[in-house]
Each structure stands twice: as C-alpha cells, then as structure tokens.
Amino acid sequence: MPGKVYLIGAGPGAQDLITVRGARLLAQADIVLHDALVTPEMLELCPQAEKIPVGKRSGQRSVAQQVINQQLVDAAQRAGLVVRLKGGDPMLFGRADEELRALEEAGIEADIVPGITTALAAAAATRQPLTKRGVARSVAFFTSSTAPEHADHDAIPETDTLVQYMGGREAIATAERLLAHGHAPDKPVVVIENVSRADQQIHRIDIAQLTQGLGTPHGPVLVMIGEAMRPRPHQRLNTESSGPIAAQLRA
C-alpha cells in the first residue's frame, strides 16, 4: 500500500509560525519535499526525514511541476508519511491543484494542512489591517505570474485593497496599469520583503514611486496597495532605509 502525502503550509518563513499540526507531522515524516522559500530553520523540525528540494523561484531555473508531481507519487510508493512542504498556504498560489490531481490519479491518499499566507503575516508585520471600516471592505490577492498559455492574462482585480504576491519584478508594470485605470498616484503602497524573517524589510511608498521599480530584492516581495495602507495618525512606523529596494527608491 502506498503511503499518505500531506501538503503542509510552512507559513511565511519564521519557524514558530507553522501550525502545531504541521510541526507534528514534520517530526514524523519519512520524506519531505520542500520549496525553495522554506527556511533552513523550518527544516530543523524534521531532522529524521529524507529532504528533497523541489523549489520553484520566479525567474530562476527550477524543478518542472510535472517532475515534482512524479516525485510525490514515487515518494509515496516507498514511504509511509510524505510531506510536501510549501511556503505560505498550500492552497494559495501553491500549485496544489496540480499535485492533488497527480496523487489522486495514482490512488494515493492526500491531506492538507493550512498555513499562514504571506499577506496576513505582512499585515501583522506592518500593523496595517487589510480591511478598514469605511475605507476598505474588500481584498484581492493576485500575482502576475501566469502559465505560458495565459501570458496575456494580466488584469488587476477591482477591489479596495490589492495584495500582489511575487510583486518585485512586476512593480513597474503593476504601477503603470494602476495609473492607467485611474488610481491616484499618491495612493499608499507598502512593500515587504522576506516577511517574518530576520532580514525582513518594509518600505512605505505610493503608486507614483512604485513606477520606479523595486530593484533586485534579496527575497520574496509582497506589495500591498490601497487606502487601508495609509498610516494612522499616531502609528509607529517600522520602515527600512537599507537594502536593494531602498536603494532603488532613492535612485
């Protein structure tokens, strides 16, 4: 009989932000196939397991999704408890549908353990709620990364608060599309890199500044846009003035 596969959300990066259930299953796992964004500290939770890196990073060489699907099936054929460890939550921009399809076609049982998605961790880190009474009652999570056959699908959702995952390389295009759709140039933008990690960076700008781009960040970038990002009158701002993003914004 094949083993069971768990798709587990590792959360945004900090080791203590994974769920208790996720950590318990990692400690029991025989094999762990993990994303590139999973931190070394997170992998310390499964010292007993065989670890297989299957990372996918935007703009970099990475393991093809079809290969990852087959690796999951093969791992379940030779081990009792297999973990597919994904950054954030596996059901949001995590290609979980493709992996679940492959496991189901092979007759392998799978279960999902949710994780804290990066947008919610970023809202906490910046102390900026994504919704605000009288200002923002809708939120959209989106990404400009698409499958090759949908390369022209670059529409930006119409909502009060926008949260763009993997927004570093797409900053200029996103800002230009927002301006073209009538968004005010001074609408607040919060950019956060490596959320929840020791090298976390927070930058508070507006759409006009976003048109300058964000340089070459050192880690994953989340871009939050909307009036809900406007600081409160007595809010203590935890902004950074160093790093490649800050250098680009000063240029």
Protein backbone atom coordinates (compact mmCIF):
# COMPACT_ATOMS: atom_id res chain seq x y z
CA MET A 1 0.00 0.00 0.00
CA PRO A 2 1.31 3.49 -0.79
CA GLY A 3 1.91 5.98 1.96
CA LYS A 4 -0.02 9.16 2.66
CA VAL A 5 1.00 12.60 1.43
CA TYR A 6 0.43 15.79 3.42
CA LEU A 7 0.54 19.16 1.70
CA ILE A 8 1.63 21.41 4.56
CA GLY A 9 1.80 25.19 4.65
CA ALA A 10 5.06 26.32 6.26
CA GLY A 11 3.76 29.86 6.72
CA PRO A 12 5.71 32.99 5.74
CA GLY A 13 9.12 31.86 6.96
CA ALA A 14 9.55 32.13 10.73
CA GLN A 15 9.79 28.70 12.31
CA ASP A 16 7.30 29.47 15.08
CA LEU A 17 4.58 30.50 12.60
CA ILE A 18 3.94 26.97 11.29
CA THR A 19 0.85 25.33 12.79
CA VAL A 20 1.18 22.82 15.64
CA ARG A 21 -0.24 20.11 13.38
CA GLY A 22 2.23 20.95 10.63
CA ALA A 23 5.17 20.78 13.01
CA ARG A 24 3.97 17.47 14.45
CA LEU A 25 3.69 15.88 11.01
CA LEU A 26 7.13 17.17 10.02
CA ALA A 27 8.59 15.46 13.09
CA GLN A 28 7.00 12.17 11.93
CA ALA A 29 7.75 12.45 8.21
CA ASP A 30 9.82 9.90 6.31
CA ILE A 31 10.34 12.14 3.27
CA VAL A 32 9.94 15.92 2.94
CA LEU A 33 9.79 17.58 -0.47
CA HIS A 34 10.23 21.29 0.19
CA ASP A 35 10.01 24.62 -1.63
CA ALA A 36 12.96 26.95 -2.12
CA LEU A 37 11.28 29.51 0.15
CA VAL A 38 11.21 27.11 3.12
CA THR A 39 13.87 28.26 5.58
CA PRO A 40 16.66 26.08 6.99
CA GLU A 41 15.19 26.73 10.45
CA MET A 42 11.91 25.16 9.33
CA LEU A 43 13.71 22.06 8.09
CA GLU A 44 15.22 21.65 11.55
CA LEU A 45 11.77 20.40 12.58
CA CYS A 46 12.30 17.20 10.56
CA PRO A 47 15.91 16.02 11.22
CA GLN A 48 14.90 12.39 10.72
CA ALA A 49 13.42 12.84 7.26
CA GLU A 50 14.95 12.50 3.81
CA LYS A 51 14.77 16.01 2.38
CA ILE A 52 14.27 16.65 -1.32
CA PRO A 53 14.46 20.26 -2.58
CA VAL A 54 11.90 20.92 -5.30
CA GLY A 55 11.97 24.70 -5.23
CA LYS A 56 10.40 26.97 -7.82
CA ARG A 57 11.63 30.58 -7.87
CA SER A 58 10.42 33.21 -10.30
CA GLY A 59 12.99 33.95 -12.99
CA GLN A 60 15.32 31.14 -11.91
CA ARG A 61 15.92 27.56 -13.02
CA SER A 62 13.70 25.27 -11.03
CA VAL A 63 12.17 21.82 -10.97
CA ALA A 64 9.36 21.42 -13.51
CA GLN A 65 5.94 20.91 -11.96
CA GLN A 66 5.43 17.60 -13.78
CA VAL A 67 8.67 16.32 -12.24
CA ILE A 68 7.53 17.39 -8.76
CA ASN A 69 4.23 15.58 -9.28
CA GLN A 70 6.05 12.37 -10.18
CA GLN A 71 8.46 12.75 -7.26
CA LEU A 72 5.49 12.95 -4.89
CA VAL A 73 3.98 9.79 -6.34
CA ASP A 74 7.34 7.96 -6.21
CA ALA A 75 7.93 9.07 -2.60
CA ALA A 76 4.53 7.76 -1.51
CA GLN A 77 5.34 4.40 -3.12
CA ARG A 78 8.38 3.92 -0.86
CA ALA A 79 7.48 5.71 2.40
CA GLY A 80 4.59 5.79 4.82
CA LEU A 81 4.41 9.52 5.57
CA VAL A 82 5.40 12.04 2.92
CA VAL A 83 5.26 15.80 3.38
CA ARG A 84 5.09 18.34 0.58
CA LEU A 85 6.19 21.47 2.45
CA LYS A 86 5.15 24.73 0.82
CA GLY A 87 5.77 28.35 1.76
CA GLY A 88 2.69 30.21 2.98
CA ASP A 89 -0.52 28.24 2.47
CA PRO A 90 -0.56 25.33 0.00
CA MET A 91 -3.96 26.30 -1.40
CA LEU A 92 -2.96 29.83 -2.45
CA PHE A 93 -0.54 30.20 -5.39
CA GLY A 94 0.93 26.84 -4.37
CA ARG A 95 0.03 24.68 -7.39
CA ALA A 96 -1.82 22.37 -5.02
CA ASP A 97 -4.42 21.53 -7.68
CA GLU A 98 -1.79 20.02 -9.97
CA GLU A 99 -0.20 17.98 -7.21
CA LEU A 100 -3.52 16.75 -5.85
CA ARG A 101 -4.59 15.68 -9.33
CA ALA A 102 -1.41 13.64 -9.75
CA LEU A 103 -1.81 11.96 -6.36
CA GLU A 104 -5.49 11.22 -6.93
CA GLU A 105 -4.79 9.71 -10.36
CA ALA A 106 -2.20 7.43 -8.72
CA GLY A 107 -4.66 6.39 -6.00
CA ILE A 108 -2.59 7.99 -3.22
CA GLU A 109 -4.31 9.49 -0.19
CA ALA A 110 -3.57 13.15 0.47
CA ASP A 111 -4.47 15.66 3.14
CA ILE A 112 -3.98 19.42 3.51
CA VAL A 113 -2.57 21.31 6.50
CA PRO A 114 -3.15 25.05 6.06
CA GLY A 115 -0.52 27.67 6.77
CA ILE A 116 -0.40 31.41 7.39
CA THR A 117 -0.36 33.01 3.97
CA THR A 118 2.18 35.78 3.43
CA ALA A 119 -0.42 38.53 3.02
CA LEU A 120 -1.74 38.03 6.55
CA ALA A 121 1.76 37.82 8.01
CA ALA A 122 2.64 41.05 6.17
CA ALA A 123 -0.42 42.83 7.53
CA ALA A 124 0.66 41.83 11.03
CA ALA A 125 4.31 42.77 10.50
CA THR A 126 3.41 46.22 9.18
CA ARG A 127 0.48 46.72 11.59
CA GLN A 128 -1.69 47.59 8.59
CA PRO A 129 -5.07 45.79 8.54
CA LEU A 130 -6.12 44.83 5.03
CA THR A 131 -9.68 45.94 5.75
CA LYS A 132 -10.77 49.14 7.44
CA ARG A 133 -14.28 50.21 8.32
CA GLY A 134 -15.49 52.91 5.96
CA VAL A 135 -12.36 52.64 3.80
CA ALA A 136 -11.74 49.06 2.66
CA ARG A 137 -14.18 46.18 2.82
CA SER A 138 -12.76 44.02 0.02
CA VAL A 139 -9.34 42.46 -0.56
CA ALA A 140 -7.86 40.68 -3.57
CA PHE A 141 -4.73 38.53 -3.65
CA PHE A 142 -3.19 38.34 -7.11
CA THR A 143 0.00 37.54 -8.96
CA SER A 144 1.27 38.49 -12.39
CA SER A 145 2.93 35.10 -12.84
CA THR A 146 0.85 33.00 -15.23
CA ALA A 147 1.12 29.81 -17.21
CA PRO A 148 2.62 30.30 -20.71
CA GLU A 149 -0.75 29.71 -22.37
CA HIS A 150 -2.25 32.57 -20.31
CA ALA A 151 0.55 35.11 -20.72
CA ASP A 152 -1.89 37.87 -21.70
CA HIS A 153 -3.96 37.48 -18.53
CA ASP A 154 -2.59 40.47 -16.64
CA ALA A 155 -5.75 42.19 -15.43
CA ILE A 156 -5.63 43.72 -11.96
CA PRO A 157 -8.63 43.00 -9.73
CA GLU A 158 -11.02 45.81 -8.86
CA THR A 159 -11.10 45.91 -5.08
CA ASP A 160 -10.34 48.20 -2.13
CA THR A 161 -7.06 46.58 -1.06
CA LEU A 162 -4.74 44.86 -3.50
CA VAL A 163 -2.07 42.39 -2.40
CA GLN A 164 0.36 41.29 -5.09
CA TYR A 165 2.37 38.15 -4.44
CA MET A 166 5.77 37.87 -6.14
CA GLY A 167 5.46 41.55 -6.94
CA GLY A 168 9.12 42.57 -7.11
CA ARG A 169 9.84 42.11 -10.80
CA GLU A 170 6.36 43.28 -11.80
CA ALA A 171 6.36 46.53 -9.82
CA ILE A 172 6.68 48.93 -12.74
CA ALA A 173 4.06 47.17 -14.88
CA THR A 174 1.67 46.97 -11.93
CA ALA A 175 2.05 50.67 -11.11
CA GLU A 176 1.53 51.69 -14.73
CA ARG A 177 -1.62 49.58 -15.04
CA LEU A 178 -2.98 51.04 -11.81
CA LEU A 179 -2.41 54.60 -13.02
CA ALA A 180 -3.98 53.75 -16.38
CA HIS A 181 -7.08 52.52 -14.55
CA GLY A 182 -7.45 55.78 -12.66
CA HIS A 183 -5.80 55.03 -9.34
CA ALA A 184 -4.35 58.13 -7.66
CA PRO A 185 -0.55 58.46 -7.86
CA ASP A 186 -0.40 59.15 -4.12
CA LYS A 187 -2.34 56.03 -3.15
CA PRO A 188 -0.36 54.30 -0.36
CA VAL A 189 1.78 51.26 -1.10
CA VAL A 190 3.55 49.03 1.43
CA VAL A 191 6.31 46.76 0.12
CA ILE A 192 7.59 43.99 2.37
CA GLU A 193 10.47 41.65 1.60
CA ASN A 194 11.22 38.41 3.49
CA VAL A 195 8.21 38.83 5.75
CA SER A 196 8.59 37.39 9.28
CA ARG A 197 12.28 36.58 8.78
CA ALA A 198 15.33 38.10 10.44
CA ASP A 199 16.12 40.09 7.27
CA GLN A 200 12.59 41.43 6.82
CA GLN A 201 12.42 44.81 5.05
CA ILE A 202 9.41 47.18 4.98
CA HIS A 203 9.08 50.16 2.63
CA ARG A 204 6.22 52.68 2.57
CA ILE A 205 5.77 54.45 -0.74
CA ASP A 206 2.96 55.36 -3.16
CA ILE A 207 1.98 54.27 -6.66
CA ALA A 208 4.00 57.06 -8.26
CA GLN A 209 7.17 55.80 -6.54
CA LEU A 210 6.31 52.23 -7.46
CA THR A 211 6.72 53.18 -11.12
CA GLN A 212 10.48 53.41 -10.41
CA GLY A 213 10.60 49.68 -9.76
CA LEU A 214 11.99 47.78 -6.80
CA GLY A 215 15.49 46.91 -7.99
CA THR A 216 16.69 43.37 -7.34
CA PRO A 217 15.36 42.23 -3.95
CA HIS A 218 17.14 39.54 -1.95
CA GLY A 219 13.97 37.58 -1.21
CA PRO A 220 10.25 37.21 -1.90
CA VAL A 221 8.39 40.52 -2.16
CA LEU A 222 4.77 41.29 -1.33
CA VAL A 223 3.18 44.57 -2.47
CA MET A 224 0.08 45.89 -0.65
CA ILE A 225 -1.85 48.76 -2.24
CA GLY A 226 -4.82 50.81 -1.09
CA GLU A 227 -6.10 53.43 1.32
CA ALA A 228 -6.03 50.87 4.13
CA MET A 229 -2.23 51.13 3.91
CA ARG A 230 -2.28 54.80 4.91
CA PRO A 231 -0.61 55.12 8.35
CA ARG A 232 -2.71 56.01 11.39
CA PRO A 233 -2.02 59.43 13.00
CA HIS A 234 -0.07 58.01 15.95
CA GLN A 235 1.20 54.84 14.33
CA ARG A 236 4.81 53.92 14.97
CA LEU A 237 6.24 53.10 11.55
CA ASN A 238 8.70 50.24 11.21
CA THR A 239 10.25 51.20 7.87
CA GLU A 240 13.64 50.30 6.48
CA SER A 241 16.12 52.59 4.74
CA SER A 242 18.64 49.95 3.64
CA GLY A 243 18.76 47.11 1.14
CA PRO A 244 18.34 46.96 -2.65
CA ILE A 245 14.72 48.12 -2.65
CA ALA A 246 15.56 51.22 -0.59
CA ALA A 247 18.50 51.96 -2.89
CA GLN A 248 16.27 51.73 -5.95
CA LEU A 249 13.65 54.02 -4.43
CA ARG A 250 16.33 56.63 -3.61
CA ALA A 251 17.78 56.50 -7.13
